[in-house]
C-alpha atoms as a PDB file:
ATOM      1  CA  MET A   1     -96.957 163.895 -28.398  1.00  0.00           C
ATOM      2  CA  THR A   2     -95.251 162.968 -25.187  1.00  0.00           C
ATOM      3  CA  LEU A   3     -96.978 160.641 -22.766  1.00  0.00           C
ATOM      4  CA  THR A   4     -97.013 163.550 -20.322  1.00  0.00           C
ATOM      5  CA  THR A   5     -99.061 165.624 -22.760  1.00  0.00           C
ATOM      6  CA  HIS A   6    -101.477 162.749 -23.393  1.00  0.00           C
ATOM      7  CA  ALA A   7    -101.796 162.012 -19.671  1.00  0.00           C
ATOM      8  CA  THR A   8    -102.428 165.653 -18.806  1.00  0.00           C
ATOM      9  CA  LEU A   9    -105.112 165.959 -21.463  1.00  0.00           C
ATOM     10  CA  GLY A  10    -106.665 162.696 -20.247  1.00  0.00           C
ATOM     11  CA  ALA A  11    -106.732 164.036 -16.682  1.00  0.00           C
ATOM     12  CA  VAL A  12    -108.441 167.230 -17.813  1.00  0.00           C
ATOM     13  CA  ILE A  13    -110.988 165.219 -19.802  1.00  0.00           C
ATOM     14  CA  GLY A  14    -111.666 162.970 -16.803  1.00  0.00           C
ATOM     15  CA  HIS A  15    -112.051 165.993 -14.564  1.00  0.00           C
ATOM     16  CA  ALA A  16    -114.435 167.657 -17.034  1.00  0.00           C
ATOM     17  CA  VAL A  17    -116.770 164.758 -17.818  1.00  0.00           C
ATOM     18  CA  GLY A  18    -117.186 163.118 -14.413  1.00  0.00           C
ATOM     19  CA  ASN A  19    -117.940 159.648 -15.822  1.00  0.00           C
ATOM     20  CA  PRO A  20    -115.171 157.008 -15.933  1.00  0.00           C
ATOM     21  CA  VAL A  21    -116.391 155.276 -19.110  1.00  0.00           C
ATOM     22  CA  VAL A  22    -116.826 158.545 -20.979  1.00  0.00           C
ATOM     23  CA  ALA A  23    -113.458 159.765 -19.665  1.00  0.00           C
ATOM     24  CA  PHE A  24    -111.761 156.611 -20.976  1.00  0.00           C
ATOM     25  CA  VAL A  25    -113.412 156.798 -24.400  1.00  0.00           C
ATOM     26  CA  LEU A  26    -112.781 160.528 -24.837  1.00  0.00           C
ATOM     27  CA  GLY A  27    -109.220 160.141 -23.554  1.00  0.00           C
ATOM     28  CA  PHE A  28    -108.647 157.342 -26.081  1.00  0.00           C
ATOM     29  CA  ILE A  29    -110.077 159.422 -28.948  1.00  0.00           C
ATOM     30  CA  SER A  30    -108.163 162.519 -27.837  1.00  0.00           C
ATOM     31  CA  HIS A  31    -104.917 160.598 -28.234  1.00  0.00           C
ATOM     32  CA  PHE A  32    -105.438 160.266 -31.975  1.00  0.00           C
ATOM     33  CA  MET A  33    -106.684 163.815 -32.412  1.00  0.00           C
ATOM     34  CA  ILE A  34    -103.772 165.452 -30.597  1.00  0.00           C
ATOM     35  CA  ASP A  35    -101.259 163.094 -32.240  1.00  0.00           C
ATOM     36  CA  MET A  36    -102.263 164.590 -35.590  1.00  0.00           C
ATOM     37  CA  ILE A  37    -100.498 167.819 -34.625  1.00  0.00           C
ATOM     38  CA  PRO A  38     -96.877 167.625 -35.866  1.00  0.00           C
ATOM     39  CA  HIS A  39     -94.764 167.210 -32.742  1.00  0.00           C
ATOM     40  CA  GLY A  40     -91.185 166.581 -33.759  1.00  0.00           C
ATOM     41  CA  ASP A  41     -90.762 162.873 -33.068  1.00  0.00           C
ATOM     42  CA  THR A  42     -91.344 161.434 -36.539  1.00  0.00           C
ATOM     43  CA  GLY A  43     -87.609 161.089 -37.191  1.00  0.00           C
ATOM     44  CA  ILE A  44     -87.057 159.188 -33.955  1.00  0.00           C
ATOM     45  CA  SER A  45     -90.064 156.977 -34.684  1.00  0.00           C
ATOM     46  CA  ASP A  46     -89.081 156.302 -38.305  1.00  0.00           C
ATOM     47  CA  ASN A  47     -85.499 155.504 -37.326  1.00  0.00           C
ATOM     48  CA  PHE A  48     -86.768 152.950 -34.822  1.00  0.00           C
ATOM     49  CA  ARG A  49     -89.656 151.415 -36.789  1.00  0.00           C
ATOM     50  CA  VAL A  50     -88.656 151.757 -40.439  1.00  0.00           C
ATOM     51  CA  HIS A  51     -84.903 152.169 -40.714  1.00  0.00           C
ATOM     52  CA  LYS A  52     -84.036 150.068 -37.634  1.00  0.00           C
ATOM     53  CA  THR A  53     -81.349 152.575 -36.621  1.00  0.00           C
ATOM     54  CA  ARG A  54     -80.727 154.564 -33.447  1.00  0.00           C
ATOM     55  CA  GLN A  55     -82.703 152.043 -31.437  1.00  0.00           C
ATOM     56  CA  THR A  56     -81.089 153.170 -28.180  1.00  0.00           C
ATOM     57  CA  GLN A  57     -82.050 156.799 -28.822  1.00  0.00           C
ATOM     58  CA  ALA A  58     -85.710 155.881 -29.340  1.00  0.00           C
ATOM     59  CA  VAL A  59     -85.838 153.640 -26.266  1.00  0.00           C
ATOM     60  CA  ALA A  60     -84.164 156.333 -24.146  1.00  0.00           C
ATOM     61  CA  TYR A  61     -86.627 158.967 -25.403  1.00  0.00           C
ATOM     62  CA  VAL A  62     -89.602 156.754 -24.535  1.00  0.00           C
ATOM     63  CA  ALA A  63     -88.160 155.750 -21.145  1.00  0.00           C
ATOM     64  CA  VAL A  64     -87.504 159.354 -20.086  1.00  0.00           C
ATOM     65  CA  ASP A  65     -90.935 160.367 -21.392  1.00  0.00           C
ATOM     66  CA  ALA A  66     -92.633 157.577 -19.425  1.00  0.00           C
ATOM     67  CA  ILE A  67     -90.817 158.477 -16.205  1.00  0.00           C
ATOM     68  CA  VAL A  68     -91.660 162.181 -16.584  1.00  0.00           C
ATOM     69  CA  ALA A  69     -95.303 161.302 -17.322  1.00  0.00           C
ATOM     70  CA  LEU A  70     -95.515 159.061 -14.270  1.00  0.00           C
ATOM     71  CA  LEU A  71     -93.963 161.697 -12.010  1.00  0.00           C
ATOM     72  CA  PHE A  72     -96.204 164.405 -13.421  1.00  0.00           C
ATOM     73  CA  VAL A  73     -99.366 162.357 -12.951  1.00  0.00           C
ATOM     74  CA  LEU A  74     -98.345 161.495  -9.393  1.00  0.00           C
ATOM     75  CA  LEU A  75     -97.631 165.169  -8.737  1.00  0.00           C
ATOM     76  CA  LEU A  76    -101.071 166.126 -10.050  1.00  0.00           C
ATOM     77  CA  ALA A  77    -102.785 163.375  -8.084  1.00  0.00           C
ATOM     78  CA  ASN A  78    -101.053 164.311  -4.847  1.00  0.00           C
ATOM     79  CA  THR A  79    -101.341 168.086  -5.066  1.00  0.00           C
ATOM     80  CA  ARG A  80    -104.949 168.452  -6.144  1.00  0.00           C
ATOM     81  CA  ASP A  81    -108.199 167.764  -4.390  1.00  0.00           C
ATOM     82  CA  ILE A  82    -109.578 165.572  -7.113  1.00  0.00           C
ATOM     83  CA  ASP A  83    -113.274 164.986  -6.589  1.00  0.00           C
ATOM     84  CA  HIS A  84    -113.531 162.087  -8.983  1.00  0.00           C
ATOM     85  CA  VAL A  85    -110.282 160.130  -8.831  1.00  0.00           C
ATOM     86  CA  ARG A  86    -111.824 157.339 -10.890  1.00  0.00           C
ATOM     87  CA  THR A  87    -112.650 159.626 -13.840  1.00  0.00           C
ATOM     88  CA  PHE A  88    -109.249 161.315 -13.582  1.00  0.00           C
ATOM     89  CA  THR A  89    -107.564 157.884 -13.693  1.00  0.00           C
ATOM     90  CA  TRP A  90    -109.641 156.464 -16.555  1.00  0.00           C
ATOM     91  CA  GLY A  91    -109.131 159.609 -18.622  1.00  0.00           C
ATOM     92  CA  ILE A  92    -105.374 159.183 -18.228  1.00  0.00           C
ATOM     93  CA  ILE A  93    -105.511 155.461 -19.018  1.00  0.00           C
ATOM     94  CA  GLY A  94    -107.558 156.053 -22.161  1.00  0.00           C
ATOM     95  CA  SER A  95    -105.253 158.811 -23.346  1.00  0.00           C
ATOM     96  CA  VAL A  96    -101.987 156.853 -23.011  1.00  0.00           C
ATOM     97  CA  LEU A  97    -103.301 153.401 -23.954  1.00  0.00           C
ATOM     98  CA  PRO A  98    -102.803 153.829 -27.730  1.00  0.00           C
ATOM     99  CA  ASP A  99     -99.060 154.380 -27.246  1.00  0.00           C
ATOM    100  CA  LEU A 100     -98.882 151.394 -24.898  1.00  0.00           C
ATOM    101  CA  ILE A 101    -100.604 149.208 -27.505  1.00  0.00           C
ATOM    102  CA  VAL A 102     -98.147 150.423 -30.157  1.00  0.00           C
ATOM    103  CA  GLY A 103     -95.287 149.601 -27.786  1.00  0.00           C
ATOM    104  CA  LEU A 104     -96.721 146.142 -27.229  1.00  0.00           C
ATOM    105  CA  TYR A 105     -96.927 145.665 -30.990  1.00  0.00           C
ATOM    106  CA  GLU A 106     -93.297 146.777 -31.415  1.00  0.00           C
ATOM    107  CA  VAL A 107     -92.167 144.250 -28.815  1.00  0.00           C
ATOM    108  CA  THR A 108     -94.286 141.308 -29.980  1.00  0.00           C
ATOM    109  CA  LYS A 109     -94.970 142.046 -33.678  1.00  0.00           C
ATOM    110  CA  THR A 110     -98.205 140.119 -33.206  1.00  0.00           C
ATOM    111  CA  PRO A 111    -100.452 140.253 -36.280  1.00  0.00           C
ATOM    112  CA  LEU A 112    -103.393 140.884 -33.947  1.00  0.00           C
ATOM    113  CA  LEU A 113    -102.105 144.413 -33.263  1.00  0.00           C
ATOM    114  CA  ARG A 114    -100.756 145.284 -36.710  1.00  0.00           C
ATOM    115  CA  TRP A 115    -104.039 146.977 -37.712  1.00  0.00           C
ATOM    116  CA  PHE A 116    -103.923 149.139 -34.587  1.00  0.00           C
ATOM    117  CA  ASN A 117    -100.307 150.120 -35.214  1.00  0.00           C
ATOM    118  CA  THR A 118    -101.185 151.069 -38.799  1.00  0.00           C
ATOM    119  CA  MET A 119    -104.174 153.119 -37.670  1.00  0.00           C
ATOM    120  CA  HIS A 120    -102.140 154.856 -34.962  1.00  0.00           C
ATOM    121  CA  PHE A 121     -99.474 155.965 -37.414  1.00  0.00           C
ATOM    122  CA  TYR A 122    -102.102 157.023 -39.951  1.00  0.00           C
ATOM    123  CA  PHE A 123    -103.208 159.655 -37.445  1.00  0.00           C
ATOM    124  CA  HIS A 124     -99.695 160.321 -36.104  1.00  0.00           C
ATOM    125  CA  ASP A 125     -98.338 161.063 -39.576  1.00  0.00           C
ATOM    126  CA  PHE A 126    -101.477 162.631 -41.072  1.00  0.00           C
ATOM    127  CA  PHE A 127    -100.208 166.224 -41.333  1.00  0.00           C
ATOM    128  CA  VAL A 128     -96.490 165.452 -41.062  1.00  0.00           C
ATOM    129  CA  LYS A 129     -96.509 163.503 -44.335  1.00  0.00           C
ATOM    130  CA  ARG A 130     -98.468 166.299 -46.045  1.00  0.00           C
ATOM    131  CA  ARG A 131     -96.966 169.451 -44.527  1.00  0.00           C
ATOM    132  CA  GLY A 132     -93.710 168.394 -42.896  1.00  0.00           C
ATOM    133  CA  GLU A 133     -92.443 168.005 -39.349  1.00  0.00           C
ATOM    134  CA  VAL A 134     -91.512 170.645 -36.806  1.00  0.00           C
ATOM    135  CA  PRO A 135     -88.207 170.588 -34.920  1.00  0.00           C
ATOM    136  CA  LEU A 136     -88.392 168.412 -31.807  1.00  0.00           C
ATOM    137  CA  TYR A 137     -87.206 171.177 -29.467  1.00  0.00           C
ATOM    138  CA  TYR A 138     -90.008 173.522 -30.653  1.00  0.00           C
ATOM    139  CA  ALA A 139     -92.541 170.743 -30.233  1.00  0.00           C
ATOM    140  CA  LEU A 140     -91.342 169.898 -26.728  1.00  0.00           C
ATOM    141  CA  LEU A 141     -91.440 173.563 -25.733  1.00  0.00           C
ATOM    142  CA  ALA A 142     -94.982 173.874 -27.091  1.00  0.00           C
ATOM    143  CA  GLN A 143     -96.001 170.751 -25.154  1.00  0.00           C
ATOM    144  CA  VAL A 144     -94.555 172.134 -21.924  1.00  0.00           C
ATOM    145  CA  VAL A 145     -96.642 175.284 -22.442  1.00  0.00           C
ATOM    146  CA  LEU A 146     -99.731 173.175 -23.204  1.00  0.00           C
ATOM    147  CA  ILE A 147     -99.183 171.007 -20.127  1.00  0.00           C
ATOM    148  CA  ALA A 148     -98.735 174.100 -17.944  1.00  0.00           C
ATOM    149  CA  TYR A 149    -101.992 175.502 -19.304  1.00  0.00           C
ATOM    150  CA  LEU A 150    -103.942 172.253 -19.021  1.00  0.00           C
ATOM    151  CA  GLN A 151    -102.875 171.566 -15.453  1.00  0.00           C
ATOM    152  CA  THR A 152    -104.509 174.862 -14.452  1.00  0.00           C
ATOM    153  CA  LYS A 153    -107.821 173.320 -15.578  1.00  0.00           C
ATOM    154  CA  LEU A 154    -107.652 170.627 -12.902  1.00  0.00           C
END
């Protein structure tokens, strides 16, 4: 999923639970659950991680995704009367943290994070490896619809 999708879901979780610790934990768990849904980026990920090709494409995809996520979260935070900013924030942090840890692993290749990277991609590829991937443009369109729906819950 895109960081924007994860962040939006984390914001909704934070808004719903009202407790920063619970928002963080549920946001973190939600990342793995929603990543199990095939979402079109397996080819980009495999090219970057496994085949070591199209590195620029993968970095550009992640950079644009991160910028859009940041802008979207700022838009939400500045256009809503959020009663519990702390829970909203910790839900978002928990929901995007797994991808940030994977990014840190990709940059450092530290053995301390290898287990986390393996676990992340176990969930990420769970259905894709069994049932196949969906086209990226369908997945992005579906995520835009999901984000539009979820933001109405804030």
